[in-house]
Each structure stands twice: as C-alpha cells, then as structure tokens.
Amino acid sequence: MQTENRDVMTALYVLSANNSGATFLATVCLTLSSLIGAWMANTSTIFSSELIYGDTKASTLSIKYISLLVCFLVAFSCFVQSSRCLIHANYLISIPNSEVPSSYVELAVIRGGDFWSIGLRALYFAITLLLWFFGPIPMFVTSIGMVFLLHYLDTNKSPLVQHHSSSRFRENHVSCQVN
C-alpha cells in the first residue's frame, strides 16, 4: 500500500470492477426474486401441463417456488456483502498517508471474494431448482452436470505461483546484503 500511485490506481480499478459485477448480480437476483414473487401470486397453471413429469400439486409447487426464492435471496445477500467488503477494501487502500496494515485490506478482499463465490454457488443451485419445475429428471441431470462443473472450477491442476511484491523483495534483498 506504500507503493507508487500507479500501482494503487490499478488495485482500485480492479476492486471497482469487482464491485460493479457484484452490484449487477445483486440487482439480477433481486429482480428474479420479484419475478418469482409475482409468478407465485399469479394463479395460472403453467406447470400442470401434460409435458411436466412429476408432482404438480399446489403444495409441491409452493415448496418449489419458496426454495427458488430463498436461493435467489441468499445469492442477493451474498453479493451485497461482497460489494460491502470490496468497498471497504477500496476505502482502506485509498486513505492517503495511512498506517493501515495490508493484512486488513487483504482480509477485506478475501471476504469479498468468499461472498462472491457463495453468491455464485447460490445462483448455480438456483438453476438446478429452476429445472425442478419441469420434473425430477431434468433436476437430476442438471445436478450431475453441476457437480462436474463445480469440480472443474474448484480443482487446481497446476501449482500456484509464489508471488512476492517488488517492494518486499527489495527490502529482503537489502537486509540480506547488510547481514
């Protein structure tokens, strides 16, 4: 955080872009929640067609609607919390001449990323729940596909690169030369 102005501006731009993405996805989740609420209030029988396999009783449909609504609301709250953490990190970085430890900024960014990841997982789960309206078979197929997708996204096949900032490298290099 005590680096050149150019490096600080790059960090602020990245945090701003992540914050914009979290805000957009929170808006999408809230809009879809409102749509589901309006859909629940409508008394039409869209899902009582012959093409729908599975239970189409009113009680089962209300469970499906409520579970999908809860999933979108969890995603919304996670994206809002992600935005909150990223704004906090942005604020900590942009304080002029501050003595804020970099671990505070790092913690805020990691928390923002964690909330972002949980929000995305809630959206992935919502896709599976959405296909539950069309029966248990599409839900099962989507669940299997989601397991493979999340396994692919969550595994790391190459080792992580150990990155050291240039200022720490210079400090360590100078301290080694003095000793």
N, C-alpha and C. Protein backbone atom coordinates (compact mmCIF):
# COMPACT_ATOMS: atom_id res chain seq x y z
N MET A 1 0.81 -1.19 0.00
CA MET A 1 0.00 0.00 0.00
C MET A 1 0.86 1.26 0.00
N GLN A 2 2.13 1.12 0.28
CA GLN A 2 3.03 2.25 0.26
C GLN A 2 3.82 2.27 -1.05
N THR A 3 3.17 1.90 -2.13
CA THR A 3 3.84 1.84 -3.43
C THR A 3 3.49 3.06 -4.25
N GLU A 4 3.89 3.01 -5.50
CA GLU A 4 3.63 4.12 -6.40
C GLU A 4 2.13 4.31 -6.62
N ASN A 5 1.77 5.51 -7.05
CA ASN A 5 0.37 5.85 -7.28
C ASN A 5 -0.24 4.99 -8.38
N ARG A 6 0.57 4.62 -9.37
CA ARG A 6 0.08 3.80 -10.47
C ARG A 6 -0.38 2.44 -9.98
N ASP A 7 0.37 1.82 -9.07
CA ASP A 7 0.00 0.51 -8.55
C ASP A 7 -1.27 0.58 -7.71
N VAL A 8 -1.42 1.66 -6.94
CA VAL A 8 -2.62 1.83 -6.13
C VAL A 8 -3.83 2.02 -7.04
N MET A 9 -3.68 2.78 -8.10
CA MET A 9 -4.80 3.00 -9.02
C MET A 9 -5.22 1.71 -9.70
N THR A 10 -4.27 0.85 -10.03
CA THR A 10 -4.61 -0.44 -10.64
C THR A 10 -5.43 -1.28 -9.67
N ALA A 11 -5.02 -1.31 -8.41
CA ALA A 11 -5.77 -2.07 -7.40
C ALA A 11 -7.17 -1.50 -7.22
N LEU A 12 -7.29 -0.19 -7.23
CA LEU A 12 -8.60 0.44 -7.07
C LEU A 12 -9.51 0.15 -8.27
N TYR A 13 -8.93 0.12 -9.47
CA TYR A 13 -9.72 -0.21 -10.66
C TYR A 13 -10.23 -1.65 -10.61
N VAL A 14 -9.39 -2.57 -10.17
CA VAL A 14 -9.80 -3.97 -10.08
C VAL A 14 -10.90 -4.14 -9.05
N LEU A 15 -10.73 -3.50 -7.89
CA LEU A 15 -11.77 -3.58 -6.87
C LEU A 15 -13.07 -2.95 -7.35
N SER A 16 -12.96 -1.85 -8.09
CA SER A 16 -14.15 -1.18 -8.62
C SER A 16 -14.87 -2.08 -9.63
N ALA A 17 -14.12 -2.77 -10.47
CA ALA A 17 -14.74 -3.68 -11.44
C ALA A 17 -15.43 -4.85 -10.74
N ASN A 18 -14.79 -5.41 -9.72
CA ASN A 18 -15.43 -6.49 -8.96
C ASN A 18 -16.67 -6.00 -8.24
N ASN A 19 -16.62 -4.78 -7.73
CA ASN A 19 -17.77 -4.20 -7.05
C ASN A 19 -18.92 -3.99 -8.03
N SER A 20 -18.61 -3.55 -9.23
CA SER A 20 -19.65 -3.37 -10.25
C SER A 20 -20.30 -4.70 -10.61
N GLY A 21 -19.50 -5.75 -10.72
CA GLY A 21 -20.04 -7.08 -11.01
C GLY A 21 -20.93 -7.59 -9.89
N ALA A 22 -20.51 -7.38 -8.65
CA ALA A 22 -21.32 -7.82 -7.51
C ALA A 22 -22.63 -7.04 -7.45
N THR A 23 -22.57 -5.76 -7.73
CA THR A 23 -23.79 -4.95 -7.72
C THR A 23 -24.74 -5.38 -8.83
N PHE A 24 -24.21 -5.67 -10.01
CA PHE A 24 -25.04 -6.12 -11.12
C PHE A 24 -25.72 -7.45 -10.79
N LEU A 25 -24.95 -8.40 -10.26
CA LEU A 25 -25.54 -9.70 -9.94
C LEU A 25 -26.54 -9.60 -8.80
N ALA A 26 -26.30 -8.70 -7.84
CA ALA A 26 -27.28 -8.48 -6.77
C ALA A 26 -28.58 -7.93 -7.35
N THR A 27 -28.46 -7.04 -8.32
CA THR A 27 -29.65 -6.48 -8.98
C THR A 27 -30.40 -7.56 -9.75
N VAL A 28 -29.67 -8.42 -10.43
CA VAL A 28 -30.31 -9.52 -11.17
C VAL A 28 -31.04 -10.46 -10.20
N CYS A 29 -30.41 -10.78 -9.09
CA CYS A 29 -31.04 -11.68 -8.11
C CYS A 29 -32.30 -11.06 -7.52
N LEU A 30 -32.24 -9.77 -7.23
CA LEU A 30 -33.41 -9.10 -6.67
C LEU A 30 -34.54 -9.03 -7.70
N THR A 31 -34.19 -8.78 -8.94
CA THR A 31 -35.20 -8.74 -10.00
C THR A 31 -35.85 -10.11 -10.19
N LEU A 32 -35.03 -11.16 -10.19
CA LEU A 32 -35.59 -12.51 -10.34
C LEU A 32 -36.43 -12.90 -9.13
N SER A 33 -36.06 -12.44 -7.95
CA SER A 33 -36.88 -12.70 -6.76
C SER A 33 -38.23 -12.02 -6.88
N SER A 34 -38.24 -10.80 -7.38
CA SER A 34 -39.51 -10.10 -7.59
C SER A 34 -40.35 -10.80 -8.64
N LEU A 35 -39.72 -11.28 -9.69
CA LEU A 35 -40.42 -12.01 -10.74
C LEU A 35 -41.04 -13.30 -10.20
N ILE A 36 -40.30 -14.00 -9.36
CA ILE A 36 -40.83 -15.23 -8.77
C ILE A 36 -41.98 -14.91 -7.83
N GLY A 37 -41.87 -13.82 -7.07
CA GLY A 37 -42.97 -13.41 -6.20
C GLY A 37 -44.22 -13.10 -6.99
N ALA A 38 -44.07 -12.42 -8.10
CA ALA A 38 -45.22 -12.13 -8.96
C ALA A 38 -45.76 -13.40 -9.59
N TRP A 39 -44.87 -14.31 -9.94
CA TRP A 39 -45.26 -15.58 -10.54
C TRP A 39 -46.05 -16.42 -9.53
N MET A 40 -45.62 -16.38 -8.25
CA MET A 40 -46.33 -17.11 -7.21
C MET A 40 -47.73 -16.54 -6.98
N ALA A 41 -47.85 -15.22 -7.09
CA ALA A 41 -49.15 -14.58 -6.85
C ALA A 41 -50.13 -14.86 -7.99
N ASN A 42 -49.61 -15.13 -9.17
CA ASN A 42 -50.45 -15.44 -10.31
C ASN A 42 -51.07 -16.82 -10.11
N THR A 43 -52.31 -16.96 -10.45
CA THR A 43 -53.00 -18.23 -10.22
C THR A 43 -53.05 -19.11 -11.46
N SER A 44 -52.22 -18.81 -12.44
CA SER A 44 -52.24 -19.63 -13.66
C SER A 44 -51.62 -21.00 -13.37
N THR A 45 -51.97 -21.95 -14.19
CA THR A 45 -51.48 -23.31 -14.01
C THR A 45 -50.51 -23.65 -15.13
N ILE A 46 -49.39 -22.97 -15.15
CA ILE A 46 -48.39 -23.20 -16.19
C ILE A 46 -47.78 -24.59 -16.06
N PHE A 47 -47.54 -25.01 -14.82
CA PHE A 47 -46.83 -26.26 -14.62
C PHE A 47 -47.76 -27.46 -14.39
N SER A 48 -48.99 -27.37 -14.86
CA SER A 48 -49.88 -28.53 -14.76
C SER A 48 -50.10 -29.16 -16.14
N SER A 49 -49.21 -28.92 -17.05
CA SER A 49 -49.31 -29.44 -18.40
C SER A 49 -48.99 -30.93 -18.42
N GLU A 50 -49.34 -31.57 -19.51
CA GLU A 50 -49.03 -32.99 -19.70
C GLU A 50 -47.53 -33.21 -19.91
N LEU A 51 -46.82 -32.17 -20.35
CA LEU A 51 -45.40 -32.29 -20.61
C LEU A 51 -44.56 -32.32 -19.33
N ILE A 52 -45.13 -31.87 -18.23
CA ILE A 52 -44.40 -31.81 -16.98
C ILE A 52 -44.50 -33.16 -16.29
N TYR A 53 -43.35 -33.74 -16.01
CA TYR A 53 -43.30 -35.00 -15.32
C TYR A 53 -43.05 -34.73 -13.85
N GLY A 54 -43.78 -35.36 -12.98
CA GLY A 54 -43.59 -35.17 -11.55
C GLY A 54 -44.84 -34.60 -10.90
N ASP A 55 -44.69 -34.28 -9.65
CA ASP A 55 -45.80 -33.80 -8.84
C ASP A 55 -46.12 -32.34 -9.17
N THR A 56 -47.37 -32.06 -9.48
CA THR A 56 -47.78 -30.69 -9.80
C THR A 56 -48.87 -30.19 -8.86
N LYS A 57 -48.94 -30.77 -7.64
CA LYS A 57 -49.90 -30.29 -6.66
C LYS A 57 -49.51 -28.88 -6.20
N ALA A 58 -50.49 -28.16 -5.71
CA ALA A 58 -50.26 -26.78 -5.28
C ALA A 58 -49.25 -26.70 -4.14
N SER A 59 -49.30 -27.64 -3.22
CA SER A 59 -48.35 -27.62 -2.09
C SER A 59 -46.92 -27.86 -2.56
N THR A 60 -46.75 -28.77 -3.50
CA THR A 60 -45.41 -29.04 -4.03
C THR A 60 -44.89 -27.85 -4.82
N LEU A 61 -45.76 -27.24 -5.62
CA LEU A 61 -45.34 -26.07 -6.38
C LEU A 61 -44.96 -24.91 -5.46
N SER A 62 -45.68 -24.75 -4.36
CA SER A 62 -45.31 -23.67 -3.44
C SER A 62 -43.96 -23.94 -2.78
N ILE A 63 -43.66 -25.19 -2.49
CA ILE A 63 -42.34 -25.54 -1.95
C ILE A 63 -41.26 -25.23 -2.98
N LYS A 64 -41.54 -25.54 -4.23
CA LYS A 64 -40.56 -25.25 -5.29
C LYS A 64 -40.35 -23.75 -5.44
N TYR A 65 -41.44 -22.98 -5.43
CA TYR A 65 -41.32 -21.53 -5.55
C TYR A 65 -40.54 -20.94 -4.38
N ILE A 66 -40.88 -21.37 -3.19
CA ILE A 66 -40.23 -20.80 -2.00
C ILE A 66 -38.75 -21.18 -1.96
N SER A 67 -38.41 -22.40 -2.32
CA SER A 67 -36.99 -22.79 -2.31
C SER A 67 -36.20 -22.01 -3.36
N LEU A 68 -36.79 -21.79 -4.51
CA LEU A 68 -36.12 -20.98 -5.54
C LEU A 68 -35.99 -19.53 -5.10
N LEU A 69 -37.02 -19.00 -4.46
CA LEU A 69 -36.97 -17.63 -3.95
C LEU A 69 -35.91 -17.48 -2.87
N VAL A 70 -35.83 -18.43 -1.97
CA VAL A 70 -34.81 -18.39 -0.92
C VAL A 70 -33.41 -18.44 -1.52
N CYS A 71 -33.25 -19.25 -2.54
CA CYS A 71 -31.94 -19.36 -3.19
C CYS A 71 -31.52 -18.03 -3.81
N PHE A 72 -32.44 -17.36 -4.49
CA PHE A 72 -32.11 -16.06 -5.08
C PHE A 72 -31.87 -15.00 -4.01
N LEU A 73 -32.59 -15.06 -2.91
CA LEU A 73 -32.38 -14.09 -1.84
C LEU A 73 -31.04 -14.31 -1.13
N VAL A 74 -30.63 -15.56 -0.99
CA VAL A 74 -29.30 -15.85 -0.43
C VAL A 74 -28.21 -15.31 -1.36
N ALA A 75 -28.39 -15.53 -2.65
CA ALA A 75 -27.42 -15.00 -3.62
C ALA A 75 -27.37 -13.48 -3.56
N PHE A 76 -28.54 -12.84 -3.46
CA PHE A 76 -28.60 -11.39 -3.36
C PHE A 76 -27.85 -10.89 -2.14
N SER A 77 -28.10 -11.52 -0.99
CA SER A 77 -27.43 -11.04 0.23
C SER A 77 -25.93 -11.28 0.17
N CYS A 78 -25.50 -12.37 -0.44
CA CYS A 78 -24.05 -12.61 -0.57
C CYS A 78 -23.40 -11.60 -1.50
N PHE A 79 -24.07 -11.23 -2.59
CA PHE A 79 -23.49 -10.23 -3.49
C PHE A 79 -23.46 -8.85 -2.84
N VAL A 80 -24.45 -8.54 -2.02
CA VAL A 80 -24.43 -7.26 -1.30
C VAL A 80 -23.28 -7.25 -0.30
N GLN A 81 -23.07 -8.36 0.40
CA GLN A 81 -21.95 -8.42 1.35
C GLN A 81 -20.61 -8.38 0.63
N SER A 82 -20.53 -8.98 -0.54
CA SER A 82 -19.31 -8.91 -1.33
C SER A 82 -19.01 -7.47 -1.72
N SER A 83 -20.04 -6.76 -2.15
CA SER A 83 -19.87 -5.36 -2.50
C SER A 83 -19.43 -4.54 -1.29
N ARG A 84 -20.00 -4.84 -0.13
CA ARG A 84 -19.63 -4.13 1.10
C ARG A 84 -18.15 -4.33 1.42
N CYS A 85 -17.70 -5.56 1.35
CA CYS A 85 -16.29 -5.85 1.66
C CYS A 85 -15.35 -5.22 0.65
N LEU A 86 -15.72 -5.24 -0.62
CA LEU A 86 -14.86 -4.65 -1.64
C LEU A 86 -14.81 -3.12 -1.52
N ILE A 87 -15.92 -2.51 -1.15
CA ILE A 87 -15.91 -1.06 -0.91
C ILE A 87 -15.04 -0.73 0.29
N HIS A 88 -15.09 -1.57 1.32
CA HIS A 88 -14.25 -1.35 2.50
C HIS A 88 -12.76 -1.46 2.13
N ALA A 89 -12.42 -2.45 1.32
CA ALA A 89 -11.02 -2.59 0.88
C ALA A 89 -10.61 -1.39 0.03
N ASN A 90 -11.50 -0.94 -0.82
CA ASN A 90 -11.23 0.24 -1.65
C ASN A 90 -10.97 1.46 -0.78
N TYR A 91 -11.77 1.62 0.25
CA TYR A 91 -11.60 2.74 1.18
C TYR A 91 -10.26 2.64 1.91
N LEU A 92 -9.90 1.43 2.38
CA LEU A 92 -8.65 1.27 3.11
C LEU A 92 -7.43 1.55 2.22
N ILE A 93 -7.52 1.17 0.96
CA ILE A 93 -6.39 1.41 0.05
C ILE A 93 -6.25 2.89 -0.28
N SER A 94 -7.37 3.58 -0.42
CA SER A 94 -7.32 4.96 -0.91
C SER A 94 -7.09 6.00 0.19
N ILE A 95 -6.93 5.60 1.44
CA ILE A 95 -6.64 6.56 2.50
C ILE A 95 -5.22 7.08 2.29
N PRO A 96 -5.06 8.41 2.15
CA PRO A 96 -3.71 8.95 1.93
C PRO A 96 -2.88 8.93 3.21
N ASN A 97 -1.62 8.57 3.07
CA ASN A 97 -0.66 8.54 4.17
C ASN A 97 -1.17 7.78 5.38
N SER A 98 -1.70 6.59 5.13
CA SER A 98 -2.27 5.81 6.23
C SER A 98 -1.27 4.79 6.73
N GLU A 99 -1.49 4.38 7.93
CA GLU A 99 -0.68 3.34 8.54
C GLU A 99 -1.50 2.05 8.69
N VAL A 100 -2.47 1.87 7.82
CA VAL A 100 -3.32 0.69 7.87
C VAL A 100 -2.51 -0.52 7.42
N PRO A 101 -2.48 -1.56 8.25
CA PRO A 101 -1.75 -2.76 7.83
C PRO A 101 -2.36 -3.38 6.58
N SER A 102 -1.53 -3.91 5.74
CA SER A 102 -2.02 -4.51 4.50
C SER A 102 -2.85 -5.76 4.78
N SER A 103 -2.69 -6.36 5.96
CA SER A 103 -3.49 -7.54 6.29
C SER A 103 -4.97 -7.19 6.40
N TYR A 104 -5.31 -5.95 6.80
CA TYR A 104 -6.71 -5.54 6.86
C TYR A 104 -7.32 -5.50 5.46
N VAL A 105 -6.56 -4.94 4.54
CA VAL A 105 -7.04 -4.87 3.15
C VAL A 105 -7.16 -6.28 2.58
N GLU A 106 -6.16 -7.10 2.84
CA GLU A 106 -6.17 -8.46 2.34
C GLU A 106 -7.38 -9.22 2.88
N LEU A 107 -7.69 -9.05 4.16
CA LEU A 107 -8.84 -9.72 4.76
C LEU A 107 -10.16 -9.25 4.12
N ALA A 108 -10.27 -7.95 3.86
CA ALA A 108 -11.50 -7.42 3.24
C ALA A 108 -11.66 -7.96 1.83
N VAL A 109 -10.57 -8.04 1.08
CA VAL A 109 -10.65 -8.55 -0.30
C VAL A 109 -10.98 -10.04 -0.30
N ILE A 110 -10.39 -10.80 0.61
CA ILE A 110 -10.67 -12.24 0.68
C ILE A 110 -12.12 -12.48 1.08
N ARG A 111 -12.62 -11.71 2.05
CA ARG A 111 -14.02 -11.86 2.43
C ARG A 111 -14.95 -11.50 1.27
N GLY A 112 -14.63 -10.44 0.55
CA GLY A 112 -15.43 -10.08 -0.62
C GLY A 112 -15.44 -11.18 -1.66
N GLY A 113 -14.29 -11.80 -1.88
CA GLY A 113 -14.21 -12.91 -2.82
C GLY A 113 -14.98 -14.13 -2.35
N ASP A 114 -14.95 -14.38 -1.04
CA ASP A 114 -15.69 -15.51 -0.50
C ASP A 114 -17.20 -15.31 -0.65
N PHE A 115 -17.67 -14.10 -0.34
CA PHE A 115 -19.09 -13.83 -0.51
C PHE A 115 -19.49 -13.91 -1.99
N TRP A 116 -18.61 -13.44 -2.87
CA TRP A 116 -18.86 -13.54 -4.31
C TRP A 116 -19.02 -15.00 -4.72
N SER A 117 -18.12 -15.85 -4.23
CA SER A 117 -18.15 -17.27 -4.57
C SER A 117 -19.41 -17.94 -4.04
N ILE A 118 -19.81 -17.63 -2.82
CA ILE A 118 -21.03 -18.22 -2.26
C ILE A 118 -22.25 -17.75 -3.04
N GLY A 119 -22.26 -16.48 -3.44
CA GLY A 119 -23.37 -15.97 -4.24
C GLY A 119 -23.48 -16.67 -5.58
N LEU A 120 -22.33 -16.92 -6.22
CA LEU A 120 -22.36 -17.65 -7.49
C LEU A 120 -22.84 -19.08 -7.30
N ARG A 121 -22.41 -19.71 -6.19
CA ARG A 121 -22.88 -21.07 -5.92
C ARG A 121 -24.39 -21.09 -5.72
N ALA A 122 -24.92 -20.06 -5.06
CA ALA A 122 -26.37 -19.99 -4.87
C ALA A 122 -27.08 -19.84 -6.21
N LEU A 123 -26.50 -19.06 -7.13
CA LEU A 123 -27.09 -18.94 -8.47
C LEU A 123 -27.02 -20.26 -9.23
N TYR A 124 -25.89 -20.98 -9.10
CA TYR A 124 -25.79 -22.29 -9.75
C TYR A 124 -26.85 -23.24 -9.20
N PHE A 125 -27.05 -23.22 -7.90
CA PHE A 125 -28.06 -24.07 -7.28
C PHE A 125 -29.46 -23.66 -7.73
N ALA A 126 -29.67 -22.37 -7.96
CA ALA A 126 -30.97 -21.88 -8.42
C ALA A 126 -31.30 -22.41 -9.81
N ILE A 127 -30.30 -22.59 -10.64
CA ILE A 127 -30.54 -23.16 -11.97
C ILE A 127 -31.08 -24.58 -11.84
N THR A 128 -30.48 -25.34 -10.93
CA THR A 128 -30.97 -26.70 -10.69
C THR A 128 -32.39 -26.68 -10.15
N LEU A 129 -32.67 -25.77 -9.22
CA LEU A 129 -34.02 -25.68 -8.66
C LEU A 129 -35.03 -25.22 -9.71
N LEU A 130 -34.59 -24.37 -10.62
CA LEU A 130 -35.49 -23.92 -11.68
C LEU A 130 -35.91 -25.08 -12.57
N LEU A 131 -35.00 -25.99 -12.85
CA LEU A 131 -35.35 -27.15 -13.67
C LEU A 131 -36.16 -28.18 -12.90
N TRP A 132 -36.24 -28.03 -11.59
CA TRP A 132 -37.07 -28.91 -10.77
C TRP A 132 -38.55 -28.72 -11.12
N PHE A 133 -38.91 -27.53 -11.62
CA PHE A 133 -40.29 -27.28 -12.02
C PHE A 133 -40.71 -28.19 -13.17
N PHE A 134 -39.76 -28.61 -13.97
CA PHE A 134 -40.07 -29.45 -15.12
C PHE A 134 -39.98 -30.94 -14.81
N GLY A 135 -39.69 -31.27 -13.57
CA GLY A 135 -39.68 -32.66 -13.13
C GLY A 135 -38.38 -33.05 -12.49
N PRO A 136 -38.36 -34.25 -11.91
CA PRO A 136 -37.15 -34.70 -11.21
C PRO A 136 -36.02 -35.11 -12.15
N ILE A 137 -36.35 -35.53 -13.34
CA ILE A 137 -35.30 -35.97 -14.27
C ILE A 137 -34.44 -34.79 -14.75
N PRO A 138 -35.03 -33.66 -15.21
CA PRO A 138 -34.17 -32.53 -15.57
C PRO A 138 -33.36 -32.00 -14.38
N MET A 139 -33.95 -32.05 -13.18
CA MET A 139 -33.22 -31.61 -11.99
C MET A 139 -32.04 -32.54 -11.72
N PHE A 140 -32.24 -33.83 -11.85
CA PHE A 140 -31.16 -34.78 -11.61
C PHE A 140 -30.03 -34.62 -12.62
N VAL A 141 -30.40 -34.47 -13.89
CA VAL A 141 -29.38 -34.30 -14.94
C VAL A 141 -28.59 -33.01 -14.71
N THR A 142 -29.30 -31.94 -14.36
CA THR A 142 -28.62 -30.67 -14.08
C THR A 142 -27.74 -30.77 -12.84
N SER A 143 -28.19 -31.50 -11.84
CA SER A 143 -27.39 -31.68 -10.63
C SER A 143 -26.08 -32.40 -10.94
N ILE A 144 -26.16 -33.45 -11.74
CA ILE A 144 -24.95 -34.18 -12.13
C ILE A 144 -24.02 -33.26 -12.93
N GLY A 145 -24.59 -32.51 -13.87
CA GLY A 145 -23.78 -31.57 -14.65
C GLY A 145 -23.16 -30.49 -13.77
N MET A 146 -23.88 -30.03 -12.77
CA MET A 146 -23.37 -29.00 -11.87
C MET A 146 -22.22 -29.54 -11.01
N VAL A 147 -22.31 -30.80 -10.60
CA VAL A 147 -21.22 -31.41 -9.83
C VAL A 147 -19.95 -31.44 -10.67
N PHE A 148 -20.06 -31.84 -11.92
CA PHE A 148 -18.88 -31.86 -12.78
C PHE A 148 -18.35 -30.46 -13.04
N LEU A 149 -19.24 -29.49 -13.25
CA LEU A 149 -18.81 -28.11 -13.48
C LEU A 149 -18.09 -27.55 -12.26
N LEU A 150 -18.66 -27.74 -11.08
CA LEU A 150 -18.02 -27.22 -9.87
C LEU A 150 -16.73 -27.95 -9.56
N HIS A 151 -16.66 -29.24 -9.88
CA HIS A 151 -15.40 -29.96 -9.70
C HIS A 151 -14.31 -29.38 -10.61
N TYR A 152 -14.69 -29.09 -11.84
CA TYR A 152 -13.74 -28.48 -12.77
C TYR A 152 -13.30 -27.10 -12.31
N LEU A 153 -14.25 -26.29 -11.81
CA LEU A 153 -13.93 -24.94 -11.39
C LEU A 153 -13.14 -24.89 -10.09
N ASP A 154 -13.34 -25.86 -9.21
CA ASP A 154 -12.74 -25.80 -7.89
C ASP A 154 -11.45 -26.58 -7.74
N THR A 155 -11.02 -27.30 -8.76
CA THR A 155 -9.75 -28.02 -8.64
C THR A 155 -8.66 -27.24 -9.33
N ASN A 156 -7.49 -27.32 -8.77
CA ASN A 156 -6.32 -26.63 -9.31
C ASN A 156 -5.35 -27.69 -9.81
N LYS A 157 -5.15 -27.72 -11.11
CA LYS A 157 -4.29 -28.74 -11.70
C LYS A 157 -2.83 -28.30 -11.79
N SER A 158 -2.58 -27.00 -11.66
CA SER A 158 -1.21 -26.52 -11.72
C SER A 158 -0.88 -25.85 -10.39
N PRO A 159 0.36 -25.95 -9.96
CA PRO A 159 0.72 -25.34 -8.68
C PRO A 159 0.63 -23.82 -8.74
N LEU A 160 0.29 -23.23 -7.61
CA LEU A 160 0.19 -21.78 -7.55
C LEU A 160 1.57 -21.14 -7.61
N VAL A 161 1.65 -20.01 -8.24
CA VAL A 161 2.91 -19.28 -8.36
C VAL A 161 3.10 -18.47 -7.09
N GLN A 162 4.27 -18.56 -6.51
CA GLN A 162 4.58 -17.77 -5.33
C GLN A 162 5.00 -16.38 -5.79
N HIS A 163 4.14 -15.41 -5.54
CA HIS A 163 4.37 -14.05 -6.00
C HIS A 163 4.78 -13.19 -4.82
N HIS A 164 5.87 -12.47 -5.00
CA HIS A 164 6.32 -11.52 -3.98
C HIS A 164 6.30 -10.14 -4.61
N SER A 165 5.79 -9.17 -3.85
CA SER A 165 5.78 -7.81 -4.40
C SER A 165 7.21 -7.31 -4.49
N SER A 166 7.44 -6.40 -5.41
CA SER A 166 8.80 -5.92 -5.64
C SER A 166 9.34 -5.14 -4.45
N SER A 167 8.47 -4.46 -3.69
CA SER A 167 8.96 -3.70 -2.54
C SER A 167 9.44 -4.64 -1.44
N ARG A 168 8.73 -5.74 -1.20
CA ARG A 168 9.19 -6.71 -0.20
C ARG A 168 10.48 -7.38 -0.65
N PHE A 169 10.56 -7.66 -1.96
CA PHE A 169 11.77 -8.28 -2.48
C PHE A 169 12.96 -7.36 -2.26
N ARG A 170 12.79 -6.07 -2.53
CA ARG A 170 13.89 -5.12 -2.33
C ARG A 170 14.27 -5.04 -0.85
N GLU A 171 13.28 -5.03 0.05
CA GLU A 171 13.58 -4.96 1.48
C GLU A 171 14.33 -6.21 1.93
N ASN A 172 13.89 -7.38 1.49
CA ASN A 172 14.57 -8.62 1.85
C ASN A 172 15.96 -8.67 1.24
N HIS A 173 16.08 -8.20 0.01
CA HIS A 173 17.37 -8.23 -0.67
C HIS A 173 18.36 -7.29 0.04
N VAL A 174 17.89 -6.10 0.44
CA VAL A 174 18.75 -5.15 1.13
C VAL A 174 19.12 -5.68 2.49
N SER A 175 18.19 -6.29 3.23
CA SER A 175 18.51 -6.81 4.56
C SER A 175 19.47 -7.97 4.48
N CYS A 176 19.41 -8.77 3.40
CA CYS A 176 20.37 -9.86 3.24
C CYS A 176 21.76 -9.34 2.93
N GLN A 177 21.85 -8.26 2.19
CA GLN A 177 23.15 -7.69 1.88
C GLN A 177 23.79 -7.06 3.10
N VAL A 178 22.99 -6.46 3.98
CA VAL A 178 23.52 -5.83 5.19
C VAL A 178 24.07 -6.87 6.13
N ASN A 179 23.39 -8.00 6.23
CA ASN A 179 23.83 -9.07 7.15
C ASN A 179 25.01 -9.72 6.55
